[in-house]
């Protein structure tokens, strides 16, 4: 499941190269945040500005991403953080990670800075650097809708206007619900004039021992679904986590001057608007709301 490729994109030189990740590194770091952190350590010079073209932005999947293993289809975005000035890493769900692996790539290492707005278009074993002038200035919803209109059923990770303008805590977004929201990594995208990464693949994931894996999948499903937390998340969604975090003082507020809001979000209130609970790729928890609002908006 780890025989996918590593794409290295130099935006300054408009050059793409493809390599294989050595087996020794896979065994040491597996994937996701582990391999991302290894490559950052090797590739980033000490003391660089996070907005410098020398900063390296990495999108990395795990070795189970795109398979039937529950809750495995996520990806990590990593770079030197413009928010903290140290290692920045954020994990994200949705459908982008699985689609990226279906193109034949596990990981994208993005270096340099494009002279003009650009995006990456990734298909089976192929990466193109394309002009994004028409998409620059769009919010994250509009750019994804327009890329689908122009390219077909792609899955996209992108930055919005905040990232373009170097707001230090801007997110990387995929879909309408999912964000790599920590460490300002959408800002690193914007600083490189990289608006989006659009992926569409058909290769799937080959599993060495499919029958044994399916047995393990069933065991994991039973374990996860018997959890009380899973049951609650599947009913009220992620606002539950916000409420708990706020109670524990784990919510950064007022530019990190405080660690909680005085009034917590009541997760139960949202239930009155919920039409259906839905999930990310390969996820059985279904903590995402599909809301239905009656009447007219503001």
C-alpha atoms as a PDB file:
ATOM      1  CA  UNK A   1       0.000   0.000   0.000  1.00  0.00           C
ATOM      2  CA  UNK A   2       3.051   2.260   0.168  1.00  0.00           C
ATOM      3  CA  UNK A   3       4.161   1.965  -3.451  1.00  0.00           C
ATOM      4  CA  UNK A   4       2.892   5.406  -4.390  1.00  0.00           C
ATOM      5  CA  UNK A   5       5.122   8.202  -5.638  1.00  0.00           C
ATOM      6  CA  UNK A   6       6.586  11.391  -4.195  1.00  0.00           C
ATOM      7  CA  UNK A   7       5.971  14.508  -6.290  1.00  0.00           C
ATOM      8  CA  UNK A   8       8.480  17.360  -5.937  1.00  0.00           C
ATOM      9  CA  UNK A   9       7.287  20.670  -7.372  1.00  0.00           C
ATOM     10  CA  UNK A  10       9.604  23.673  -7.729  1.00  0.00           C
ATOM     11  CA  UNK A  11       7.304  26.625  -8.391  1.00  0.00           C
ATOM     12  CA  UNK A  12      10.202  29.034  -9.019  1.00  0.00           C
ATOM     13  CA  UNK A  13      11.590  26.887 -11.829  1.00  0.00           C
ATOM     14  CA  UNK A  14       8.203  25.530 -12.973  1.00  0.00           C
ATOM     15  CA  UNK A  15       9.709  22.076 -12.680  1.00  0.00           C
ATOM     16  CA  UNK A  16       8.164  18.790 -11.522  1.00  0.00           C
ATOM     17  CA  UNK A  17      10.110  15.668 -10.599  1.00  0.00           C
ATOM     18  CA  UNK A  18       8.854  12.304  -9.379  1.00  0.00           C
ATOM     19  CA  UNK A  19      10.667  10.004  -6.966  1.00  0.00           C
ATOM     20  CA  UNK A  20      10.027   6.980  -4.790  1.00  0.00           C
ATOM     21  CA  UNK A  21      10.173   7.208  -1.013  1.00  0.00           C
ATOM     22  CA  UNK A  22      12.881   4.800   0.230  1.00  0.00           C
ATOM     23  CA  UNK A  23      11.521   1.748   2.047  1.00  0.00           C
ATOM     24  CA  UNK A  24      13.799   2.502   5.000  1.00  0.00           C
ATOM     25  CA  UNK A  25      12.054   5.852   5.548  1.00  0.00           C
ATOM     26  CA  UNK A  26       8.616   4.279   5.249  1.00  0.00           C
ATOM     27  CA  UNK A  27       9.465   1.820   8.011  1.00  0.00           C
ATOM     28  CA  UNK A  28      10.827   4.575  10.262  1.00  0.00           C
ATOM     29  CA  UNK A  29       8.165   7.247   9.728  1.00  0.00           C
ATOM     30  CA  UNK A  30       5.188   5.399   8.116  1.00  0.00           C
ATOM     31  CA  UNK A  31       3.601   8.430   6.425  1.00  0.00           C
ATOM     32  CA  UNK A  32       1.530  11.508   7.167  1.00  0.00           C
ATOM     33  CA  UNK A  33       3.084  13.773   9.774  1.00  0.00           C
ATOM     34  CA  UNK A  34       6.068  11.477  10.308  1.00  0.00           C
ATOM     35  CA  UNK A  35       7.433  11.624   6.771  1.00  0.00           C
ATOM     36  CA  UNK A  36       6.390  15.260   6.367  1.00  0.00           C
ATOM     37  CA  UNK A  37       8.444  16.217   9.429  1.00  0.00           C
ATOM     38  CA  UNK A  38      11.438  14.218   8.208  1.00  0.00           C
ATOM     39  CA  UNK A  39      11.494  16.000   4.851  1.00  0.00           C
ATOM     40  CA  UNK A  40      11.039  19.419   6.463  1.00  0.00           C
ATOM     41  CA  UNK A  41      13.975  18.735   8.783  1.00  0.00           C
ATOM     42  CA  UNK A  42      16.145  17.768   5.825  1.00  0.00           C
ATOM     43  CA  UNK A  43      15.048  20.504   3.420  1.00  0.00           C
ATOM     44  CA  UNK A  44      14.490  23.695   5.430  1.00  0.00           C
ATOM     45  CA  UNK A  45      17.463  25.820   6.495  1.00  0.00           C
ATOM     46  CA  UNK A  46      17.450  27.181  10.073  1.00  0.00           C
ATOM     47  CA  UNK A  47      16.237  30.754  10.485  1.00  0.00           C
ATOM     48  CA  UNK A  48      14.321  31.168   7.223  1.00  0.00           C
ATOM     49  CA  UNK A  49      11.268  33.415   7.052  1.00  0.00           C
ATOM     50  CA  UNK A  50       8.059  31.335   6.741  1.00  0.00           C
ATOM     51  CA  UNK A  51       7.105  33.544   3.769  1.00  0.00           C
ATOM     52  CA  UNK A  52      10.414  32.896   2.041  1.00  0.00           C
ATOM     53  CA  UNK A  53      10.450  30.817  -1.161  1.00  0.00           C
ATOM     54  CA  UNK A  54      12.879  28.603   0.783  1.00  0.00           C
ATOM     55  CA  UNK A  55      10.041  27.418   3.007  1.00  0.00           C
ATOM     56  CA  UNK A  56       8.809  23.986   1.964  1.00  0.00           C
ATOM     57  CA  UNK A  57       5.115  23.064   1.937  1.00  0.00           C
ATOM     58  CA  UNK A  58       4.262  19.365   2.121  1.00  0.00           C
ATOM     59  CA  UNK A  59       0.966  17.543   1.622  1.00  0.00           C
ATOM     60  CA  UNK A  60       1.281  13.968   2.896  1.00  0.00           C
ATOM     61  CA  UNK A  61      -1.084  11.012   3.177  1.00  0.00           C
ATOM     62  CA  UNK A  62      -0.849   7.865   5.302  1.00  0.00           C
ATOM     63  CA  UNK A  63      -0.222   4.339   4.062  1.00  0.00           C
ATOM     64  CA  UNK A  64      -3.846   3.341   4.788  1.00  0.00           C
ATOM     65  CA  UNK A  65      -5.341   6.395   3.071  1.00  0.00           C
ATOM     66  CA  UNK A  66      -7.810   5.488   0.336  1.00  0.00           C
ATOM     67  CA  UNK A  67      -8.498   2.004   1.692  1.00  0.00           C
ATOM     68  CA  UNK A  68     -11.507   0.676   3.613  1.00  0.00           C
ATOM     69  CA  UNK A  69      -9.731   1.013   6.963  1.00  0.00           C
ATOM     70  CA  UNK A  70     -12.087   3.169   9.076  1.00  0.00           C
ATOM     71  CA  UNK A  71     -11.256   6.848   9.518  1.00  0.00           C
ATOM     72  CA  UNK A  72      -7.945   6.541   7.643  1.00  0.00           C
ATOM     73  CA  UNK A  73      -8.436   8.849   4.658  1.00  0.00           C
ATOM     74  CA  UNK A  74      -6.858  11.989   6.028  1.00  0.00           C
ATOM     75  CA  UNK A  75      -3.820  14.080   5.109  1.00  0.00           C
ATOM     76  CA  UNK A  76      -1.275  16.293   6.842  1.00  0.00           C
ATOM     77  CA  UNK A  77      -0.092  19.693   5.644  1.00  0.00           C
ATOM     78  CA  UNK A  78       3.304  20.752   6.989  1.00  0.00           C
ATOM     79  CA  UNK A  79       5.687  23.719   6.688  1.00  0.00           C
ATOM     80  CA  UNK A  80       7.457  26.254   8.869  1.00  0.00           C
ATOM     81  CA  UNK A  81       4.512  28.044  10.450  1.00  0.00           C
ATOM     82  CA  UNK A  82       3.977  31.785   9.875  1.00  0.00           C
ATOM     83  CA  UNK A  83       1.843  31.780  13.025  1.00  0.00           C
ATOM     84  CA  UNK A  84       4.391  30.278  15.427  1.00  0.00           C
ATOM     85  CA  UNK A  85       7.729  30.423  13.606  1.00  0.00           C
ATOM     86  CA  UNK A  86       8.373  26.738  14.318  1.00  0.00           C
ATOM     87  CA  UNK A  87       7.233  23.410  12.872  1.00  0.00           C
ATOM     88  CA  UNK A  88       3.691  23.743  11.579  1.00  0.00           C
ATOM     89  CA  UNK A  89       1.494  20.723  10.932  1.00  0.00           C
ATOM     90  CA  UNK A  90      -2.247  20.313  10.507  1.00  0.00           C
ATOM     91  CA  UNK A  91      -4.391  17.242   9.855  1.00  0.00           C
ATOM     92  CA  UNK A  92      -7.474  17.313   7.637  1.00  0.00           C
ATOM     93  CA  UNK A  93     -10.304  15.008   6.583  1.00  0.00           C
ATOM     94  CA  UNK A  94     -12.632  15.134   3.593  1.00  0.00           C
ATOM     95  CA  UNK A  95     -12.025  13.390   0.259  1.00  0.00           C
ATOM     96  CA  UNK A  96      -8.862  15.042  -1.058  1.00  0.00           C
ATOM     97  CA  UNK A  97      -6.406  12.617   0.560  1.00  0.00           C
ATOM     98  CA  UNK A  98      -7.939   9.496  -0.974  1.00  0.00           C
ATOM     99  CA  UNK A  99      -8.187  11.160  -4.387  1.00  0.00           C
ATOM    100  CA  UNK A 100      -4.529  12.183  -4.247  1.00  0.00           C
ATOM    101  CA  UNK A 101      -3.493   8.585  -3.588  1.00  0.00           C
ATOM    102  CA  UNK A 102      -5.680   7.395  -6.466  1.00  0.00           C
ATOM    103  CA  UNK A 103      -3.518   9.541  -8.785  1.00  0.00           C
ATOM    104  CA  UNK A 104      -0.468   7.517  -7.748  1.00  0.00           C
ATOM    105  CA  UNK A 105       1.047  10.029  -5.320  1.00  0.00           C
ATOM    106  CA  UNK A 106       1.474   9.695  -1.550  1.00  0.00           C
ATOM    107  CA  UNK A 107       3.083  13.043  -0.973  1.00  0.00           C
ATOM    108  CA  UNK A 108       3.694  16.441  -2.574  1.00  0.00           C
ATOM    109  CA  UNK A 109       6.744  18.540  -1.676  1.00  0.00           C
ATOM    110  CA  UNK A 110       6.313  22.114  -2.889  1.00  0.00           C
ATOM    111  CA  UNK A 111       9.305  24.462  -3.056  1.00  0.00           C
ATOM    112  CA  UNK A 112       9.955  27.981  -4.307  1.00  0.00           C
ATOM    113  CA  UNK A 113       7.447  30.632  -5.330  1.00  0.00           C
ATOM    114  CA  UNK A 114       5.553  31.105  -8.566  1.00  0.00           C
ATOM    115  CA  UNK A 115       5.843  34.505 -10.248  1.00  0.00           C
ATOM    116  CA  UNK A 116       2.116  34.398 -11.004  1.00  0.00           C
ATOM    117  CA  UNK A 117      -0.895  32.715  -9.359  1.00  0.00           C
ATOM    118  CA  UNK A 118      -0.896  29.004 -10.150  1.00  0.00           C
ATOM    119  CA  UNK A 119      -2.495  25.725  -9.174  1.00  0.00           C
ATOM    120  CA  UNK A 120      -1.472  22.088  -9.437  1.00  0.00           C
ATOM    121  CA  UNK A 121      -3.561  19.724 -11.538  1.00  0.00           C
ATOM    122  CA  UNK A 122      -2.812  16.111 -10.639  1.00  0.00           C
ATOM    123  CA  UNK A 123      -4.057  13.127 -12.635  1.00  0.00           C
ATOM    124  CA  UNK A 124      -2.772   9.549 -12.934  1.00  0.00           C
ATOM    125  CA  UNK A 125       1.041   9.723 -12.497  1.00  0.00           C
ATOM    126  CA  UNK A 126       1.088  13.308 -13.734  1.00  0.00           C
ATOM    127  CA  UNK A 127       1.443  16.774 -12.158  1.00  0.00           C
ATOM    128  CA  UNK A 128       0.887  20.001 -14.101  1.00  0.00           C
ATOM    129  CA  UNK A 129       1.518  23.582 -12.961  1.00  0.00           C
ATOM    130  CA  UNK A 130      -1.311  25.665 -14.405  1.00  0.00           C
ATOM    131  CA  UNK A 131      -2.288  29.343 -14.455  1.00  0.00           C
ATOM    132  CA  UNK A 132      -4.645  30.341 -11.618  1.00  0.00           C
ATOM    133  CA  UNK A 133      -5.148  33.986 -12.489  1.00  0.00           C
ATOM    134  CA  UNK A 134      -8.881  33.417 -13.075  1.00  0.00           C
ATOM    135  CA  UNK A 135      -9.249  31.869  -9.599  1.00  0.00           C
ATOM    136  CA  UNK A 136      -7.139  34.352  -7.630  1.00  0.00           C
ATOM    137  CA  UNK A 137      -9.287  36.404  -5.280  1.00  0.00           C
ATOM    138  CA  UNK A 138     -11.964  33.708  -4.923  1.00  0.00           C
ATOM    139  CA  UNK A 139     -12.966  32.302  -1.554  1.00  0.00           C
ATOM    140  CA  UNK A 140     -12.416  28.604  -0.881  1.00  0.00           C
ATOM    141  CA  UNK A 141     -15.945  27.594  -1.885  1.00  0.00           C
ATOM    142  CA  UNK A 142     -15.948  29.469  -5.183  1.00  0.00           C
ATOM    143  CA  UNK A 143     -12.526  28.263  -6.300  1.00  0.00           C
ATOM    144  CA  UNK A 144     -13.503  24.632  -5.716  1.00  0.00           C
ATOM    145  CA  UNK A 145     -16.774  25.041  -7.587  1.00  0.00           C
ATOM    146  CA  UNK A 146     -15.039  26.720 -10.516  1.00  0.00           C
ATOM    147  CA  UNK A 147     -12.282  24.121 -10.706  1.00  0.00           C
ATOM    148  CA  UNK A 148     -14.931  21.398 -10.848  1.00  0.00           C
ATOM    149  CA  UNK A 149     -16.705  23.300 -13.587  1.00  0.00           C
ATOM    150  CA  UNK A 150     -13.466  23.570 -15.580  1.00  0.00           C
ATOM    151  CA  UNK A 151     -11.816  20.207 -14.798  1.00  0.00           C
ATOM    152  CA  UNK A 152     -14.600  17.810 -13.836  1.00  0.00           C
ATOM    153  CA  UNK A 153     -14.996  15.871 -10.594  1.00  0.00           C
ATOM    154  CA  UNK A 154     -11.724  16.857  -8.940  1.00  0.00           C
ATOM    155  CA  UNK A 155     -11.066  16.998  -5.204  1.00  0.00           C
ATOM    156  CA  UNK A 156      -9.328  20.203  -4.208  1.00  0.00           C
ATOM    157  CA  UNK A 157      -7.218  21.607  -1.380  1.00  0.00           C
ATOM    158  CA  UNK A 158      -6.950  25.381  -1.550  1.00  0.00           C
ATOM    159  CA  UNK A 159      -6.376  28.675   0.220  1.00  0.00           C
ATOM    160  CA  UNK A 160      -8.749  31.624   0.237  1.00  0.00           C
ATOM    161  CA  UNK A 161      -8.381  35.387   0.244  1.00  0.00           C
ATOM    162  CA  UNK A 162      -6.866  35.292   3.747  1.00  0.00           C
ATOM    163  CA  UNK A 163      -4.077  33.038   2.514  1.00  0.00           C
ATOM    164  CA  UNK A 164      -3.466  35.242  -0.512  1.00  0.00           C
ATOM    165  CA  UNK A 165      -3.082  38.258   1.792  1.00  0.00           C
ATOM    166  CA  UNK A 166      -0.787  36.465   4.231  1.00  0.00           C
ATOM    167  CA  UNK A 167      -3.092  36.404   7.221  1.00  0.00           C
ATOM    168  CA  UNK A 168      -0.859  34.349   9.483  1.00  0.00           C
ATOM    169  CA  UNK A 169      -3.523  31.874  10.596  1.00  0.00           C
ATOM    170  CA  UNK A 170      -5.208  31.198   7.237  1.00  0.00           C
ATOM    171  CA  UNK A 171      -6.394  27.625   6.637  1.00  0.00           C
ATOM    172  CA  UNK A 172      -6.074  25.092   3.862  1.00  0.00           C
ATOM    173  CA  UNK A 173      -9.625  24.076   2.926  1.00  0.00           C
ATOM    174  CA  UNK A 174     -11.046  21.083   1.105  1.00  0.00           C
ATOM    175  CA  UNK A 175     -14.747  20.706   0.419  1.00  0.00           C
ATOM    176  CA  UNK A 176     -17.143  22.923   2.350  1.00  0.00           C
ATOM    177  CA  UNK A 177     -16.617  21.311   5.750  1.00  0.00           C
ATOM    178  CA  UNK A 178     -12.960  20.393   6.168  1.00  0.00           C
ATOM    179  CA  UNK A 179      -9.945  22.522   7.023  1.00  0.00           C
ATOM    180  CA  UNK A 180      -6.312  22.078   7.944  1.00  0.00           C
ATOM    181  CA  UNK A 181      -6.852  24.886  10.409  1.00  0.00           C
ATOM    182  CA  UNK A 182      -3.708  24.954  12.507  1.00  0.00           C
ATOM    183  CA  UNK A 183      -0.459  26.878  12.044  1.00  0.00           C
ATOM    184  CA  UNK A 184      -1.427  29.157   9.130  1.00  0.00           C
ATOM    185  CA  UNK A 185      -0.508  26.751   6.345  1.00  0.00           C
ATOM    186  CA  UNK A 186      -3.014  28.329   3.960  1.00  0.00           C
ATOM    187  CA  UNK A 187      -0.845  31.428   4.328  1.00  0.00           C
ATOM    188  CA  UNK A 188       2.183  29.477   3.123  1.00  0.00           C
ATOM    189  CA  UNK A 189       0.174  28.442   0.051  1.00  0.00           C
ATOM    190  CA  UNK A 190      -0.712  32.068  -0.616  1.00  0.00           C
ATOM    191  CA  UNK A 191       2.874  33.251  -0.120  1.00  0.00           C
ATOM    192  CA  UNK A 192       3.935  30.842  -2.869  1.00  0.00           C
ATOM    193  CA  UNK A 193       1.165  32.112  -5.184  1.00  0.00           C
ATOM    194  CA  UNK A 194      -0.279  28.602  -5.050  1.00  0.00           C
ATOM    195  CA  UNK A 195      -4.057  28.870  -5.050  1.00  0.00           C
ATOM    196  CA  UNK A 196      -5.065  25.219  -5.126  1.00  0.00           C
ATOM    197  CA  UNK A 197      -4.218  21.581  -5.722  1.00  0.00           C
ATOM    198  CA  UNK A 198      -6.832  19.709  -7.778  1.00  0.00           C
ATOM    199  CA  UNK A 199      -6.625  15.913  -7.970  1.00  0.00           C
ATOM    200  CA  UNK A 200      -8.482  13.241  -9.909  1.00  0.00           C
ATOM    201  CA  UNK A 201      -7.204   9.667 -10.076  1.00  0.00           C
ATOM    202  CA  UNK A 202      -8.365   6.235 -11.190  1.00  0.00           C
ATOM    203  CA  UNK A 203      -5.643   3.916  -9.886  1.00  0.00           C
ATOM    204  CA  UNK A 204      -7.060   2.785  -6.573  1.00  0.00           C
ATOM    205  CA  UNK A 205      -5.020   1.160  -3.809  1.00  0.00           C
ATOM    206  CA  UNK A 206      -3.600  -2.346  -4.143  1.00  0.00           C
ATOM    207  CA  UNK A 207      -3.632  -4.337  -0.895  1.00  0.00           C
ATOM    208  CA  UNK A 208      -1.237  -7.252  -0.398  1.00  0.00           C
ATOM    209  CA  UNK A 209      -3.615  -9.386   1.687  1.00  0.00           C
ATOM    210  CA  UNK A 210      -7.180  -8.158   1.075  1.00  0.00           C
ATOM    211  CA  UNK A 211      -9.008 -10.924   2.956  1.00  0.00           C
ATOM    212  CA  UNK A 212      -6.929 -10.464   6.092  1.00  0.00           C
ATOM    213  CA  UNK A 213      -7.336  -6.707   5.834  1.00  0.00           C
ATOM    214  CA  UNK A 214     -11.124  -6.980   5.606  1.00  0.00           C
ATOM    215  CA  UNK A 215     -11.150  -9.077   8.767  1.00  0.00           C
ATOM    216  CA  UNK A 216      -9.144  -6.384  10.543  1.00  0.00           C
ATOM    217  CA  UNK A 217     -11.452  -3.688   9.159  1.00  0.00           C
ATOM    218  CA  UNK A 218     -14.472  -5.429  10.687  1.00  0.00           C
ATOM    219  CA  UNK A 219     -12.715  -5.654  14.051  1.00  0.00           C
ATOM    220  CA  UNK A 220     -11.834  -1.959  13.938  1.00  0.00           C
ATOM    221  CA  UNK A 221     -15.380  -1.004  12.981  1.00  0.00           C
ATOM    222  CA  UNK A 222     -16.787  -2.898  15.946  1.00  0.00           C
ATOM    223  CA  UNK A 223     -14.273  -1.325  18.319  1.00  0.00           C
ATOM    224  CA  UNK A 224     -14.915   2.215  17.061  1.00  0.00           C
ATOM    225  CA  UNK A 225     -18.707   1.948  16.999  1.00  0.00           C
ATOM    226  CA  UNK A 226     -18.810   0.615  20.566  1.00  0.00           C
ATOM    227  CA  UNK A 227     -17.203   3.805  21.832  1.00  0.00           C
ATOM    228  CA  UNK A 228     -19.506   6.222  23.682  1.00  0.00           C
ATOM    229  CA  UNK A 229     -17.635   9.183  22.193  1.00  0.00           C
ATOM    230  CA  UNK A 230     -18.237   7.848  18.677  1.00  0.00           C
ATOM    231  CA  UNK A 231     -21.938   7.509  19.420  1.00  0.00           C
ATOM    232  CA  UNK A 232     -22.198  11.106  20.628  1.00  0.00           C
ATOM    233  CA  UNK A 233     -20.091  12.489  17.761  1.00  0.00           C
ATOM    234  CA  UNK A 234     -22.364  10.718  15.293  1.00  0.00           C
ATOM    235  CA  UNK A 235     -25.342  12.481  16.857  1.00  0.00           C
ATOM    236  CA  UNK A 236     -24.241  16.034  17.706  1.00  0.00           C
ATOM    237  CA  UNK A 237     -21.057  16.247  15.634  1.00  0.00           C
ATOM    238  CA  UNK A 238     -17.813  18.105  16.294  1.00  0.00           C
ATOM    239  CA  UNK A 239     -19.423  20.946  18.331  1.00  0.00           C
ATOM    240  CA  UNK A 240     -19.203  18.404  21.158  1.00  0.00           C
ATOM    241  CA  UNK A 241     -15.401  18.634  20.966  1.00  0.00           C
ATOM    242  CA  UNK A 242     -15.575  22.418  21.003  1.00  0.00           C
ATOM    243  CA  UNK A 243     -17.694  22.407  24.143  1.00  0.00           C
ATOM    244  CA  UNK A 244     -15.338  20.015  25.945  1.00  0.00           C
ATOM    245  CA  UNK A 245     -12.251  21.959  24.823  1.00  0.00           C
ATOM    246  CA  UNK A 246     -13.761  25.224  25.993  1.00  0.00           C
ATOM    247  CA  UNK A 247     -14.491  23.718  29.414  1.00  0.00           C
ATOM    248  CA  UNK A 248     -10.891  22.470  29.671  1.00  0.00           C
ATOM    249  CA  UNK A 249      -9.493  25.867  28.647  1.00  0.00           C
ATOM    250  CA  UNK A 250      -8.051  24.597  25.377  1.00  0.00           C
ATOM    251  CA  UNK A 251      -9.593  27.199  23.027  1.00  0.00           C
ATOM    252  CA  UNK A 252      -7.251  30.015  22.019  1.00  0.00           C
ATOM    253  CA  UNK A 253      -9.207  33.283  21.942  1.00  0.00           C
ATOM    254  CA  UNK A 254      -8.440  36.993  21.531  1.00  0.00           C
ATOM    255  CA  UNK A 255      -5.161  36.316  19.723  1.00  0.00           C
ATOM    256  CA  UNK A 256      -4.160  33.662  22.298  1.00  0.00           C
ATOM    257  CA  UNK A 257      -4.541  36.060  25.237  1.00  0.00           C
ATOM    258  CA  UNK A 258      -7.280  33.846  26.711  1.00  0.00           C
ATOM    259  CA  UNK A 259      -7.937  30.116  26.582  1.00  0.00           C
ATOM    260  CA  UNK A 260     -11.760  29.966  26.645  1.00  0.00           C
ATOM    261  CA  UNK A 261     -14.932  31.818  25.739  1.00  0.00           C
ATOM    262  CA  UNK A 262     -17.180  32.895  28.580  1.00  0.00           C
ATOM    263  CA  UNK A 263     -20.217  31.444  26.773  1.00  0.00           C
ATOM    264  CA  UNK A 264     -19.777  27.973  25.322  1.00  0.00           C
ATOM    265  CA  UNK A 265     -21.428  26.840  22.092  1.00  0.00           C
ATOM    266  CA  UNK A 266     -24.319  24.541  22.947  1.00  0.00           C
ATOM    267  CA  UNK A 267     -24.036  21.507  20.685  1.00  0.00           C
ATOM    268  CA  UNK A 268     -27.622  20.443  21.373  1.00  0.00           C
ATOM    269  CA  UNK A 269     -29.016  23.631  19.800  1.00  0.00           C
ATOM    270  CA  UNK A 270     -27.631  22.591  16.412  1.00  0.00           C
ATOM    271  CA  UNK A 271     -29.737  19.405  16.441  1.00  0.00           C
ATOM    272  CA  UNK A 272     -32.836  21.445  15.561  1.00  0.00           C
ATOM    273  CA  UNK A 273     -31.281  22.283  12.161  1.00  0.00           C
ATOM    274  CA  UNK A 274     -29.693  18.926  11.303  1.00  0.00           C
ATOM    275  CA  UNK A 275     -31.110  17.142   8.262  1.00  0.00           C
ATOM    276  CA  UNK A 276     -28.574  14.298   8.212  1.00  0.00           C
ATOM    277  CA  UNK A 277     -25.165  13.313   9.584  1.00  0.00           C
ATOM    278  CA  UNK A 278     -22.544  12.535   6.927  1.00  0.00           C
ATOM    279  CA  UNK A 279     -18.907  11.429   6.958  1.00  0.00           C
ATOM    280  CA  UNK A 280     -15.553  11.868   5.265  1.00  0.00           C
ATOM    281  CA  UNK A 281     -14.007   9.263   2.970  1.00  0.00           C
ATOM    282  CA  UNK A 282     -13.782   5.856   4.733  1.00  0.00           C
ATOM    283  CA  UNK A 283     -15.087   7.371   7.980  1.00  0.00           C
ATOM    284  CA  UNK A 284     -17.789   5.561   9.953  1.00  0.00           C
ATOM    285  CA  UNK A 285     -18.235   8.191  12.679  1.00  0.00           C
ATOM    286  CA  UNK A 286     -20.315  10.634  10.558  1.00  0.00           C
ATOM    287  CA  UNK A 287     -19.671  13.747  12.652  1.00  0.00           C
ATOM    288  CA  UNK A 288     -20.501  16.247   9.872  1.00  0.00           C
ATOM    289  CA  UNK A 289     -23.864  17.986   9.761  1.00  0.00           C
ATOM    290  CA  UNK A 290     -25.962  18.479   6.680  1.00  0.00           C
ATOM    291  CA  UNK A 291     -28.178  21.287   7.871  1.00  0.00           C
ATOM    292  CA  UNK A 292     -31.553  22.391   6.616  1.00  0.00           C
ATOM    293  CA  UNK A 293     -32.673  25.924   7.374  1.00  0.00           C
ATOM    294  CA  UNK A 294     -36.261  27.018   6.798  1.00  0.00           C
ATOM    295  CA  UNK A 295     -37.356  30.482   5.744  1.00  0.00           C
ATOM    296  CA  UNK A 296     -35.299  33.272   4.226  1.00  0.00           C
ATOM    297  CA  UNK A 297     -31.748  34.186   5.104  1.00  0.00           C
ATOM    298  CA  UNK A 298     -30.531  37.601   6.244  1.00  0.00           C
END
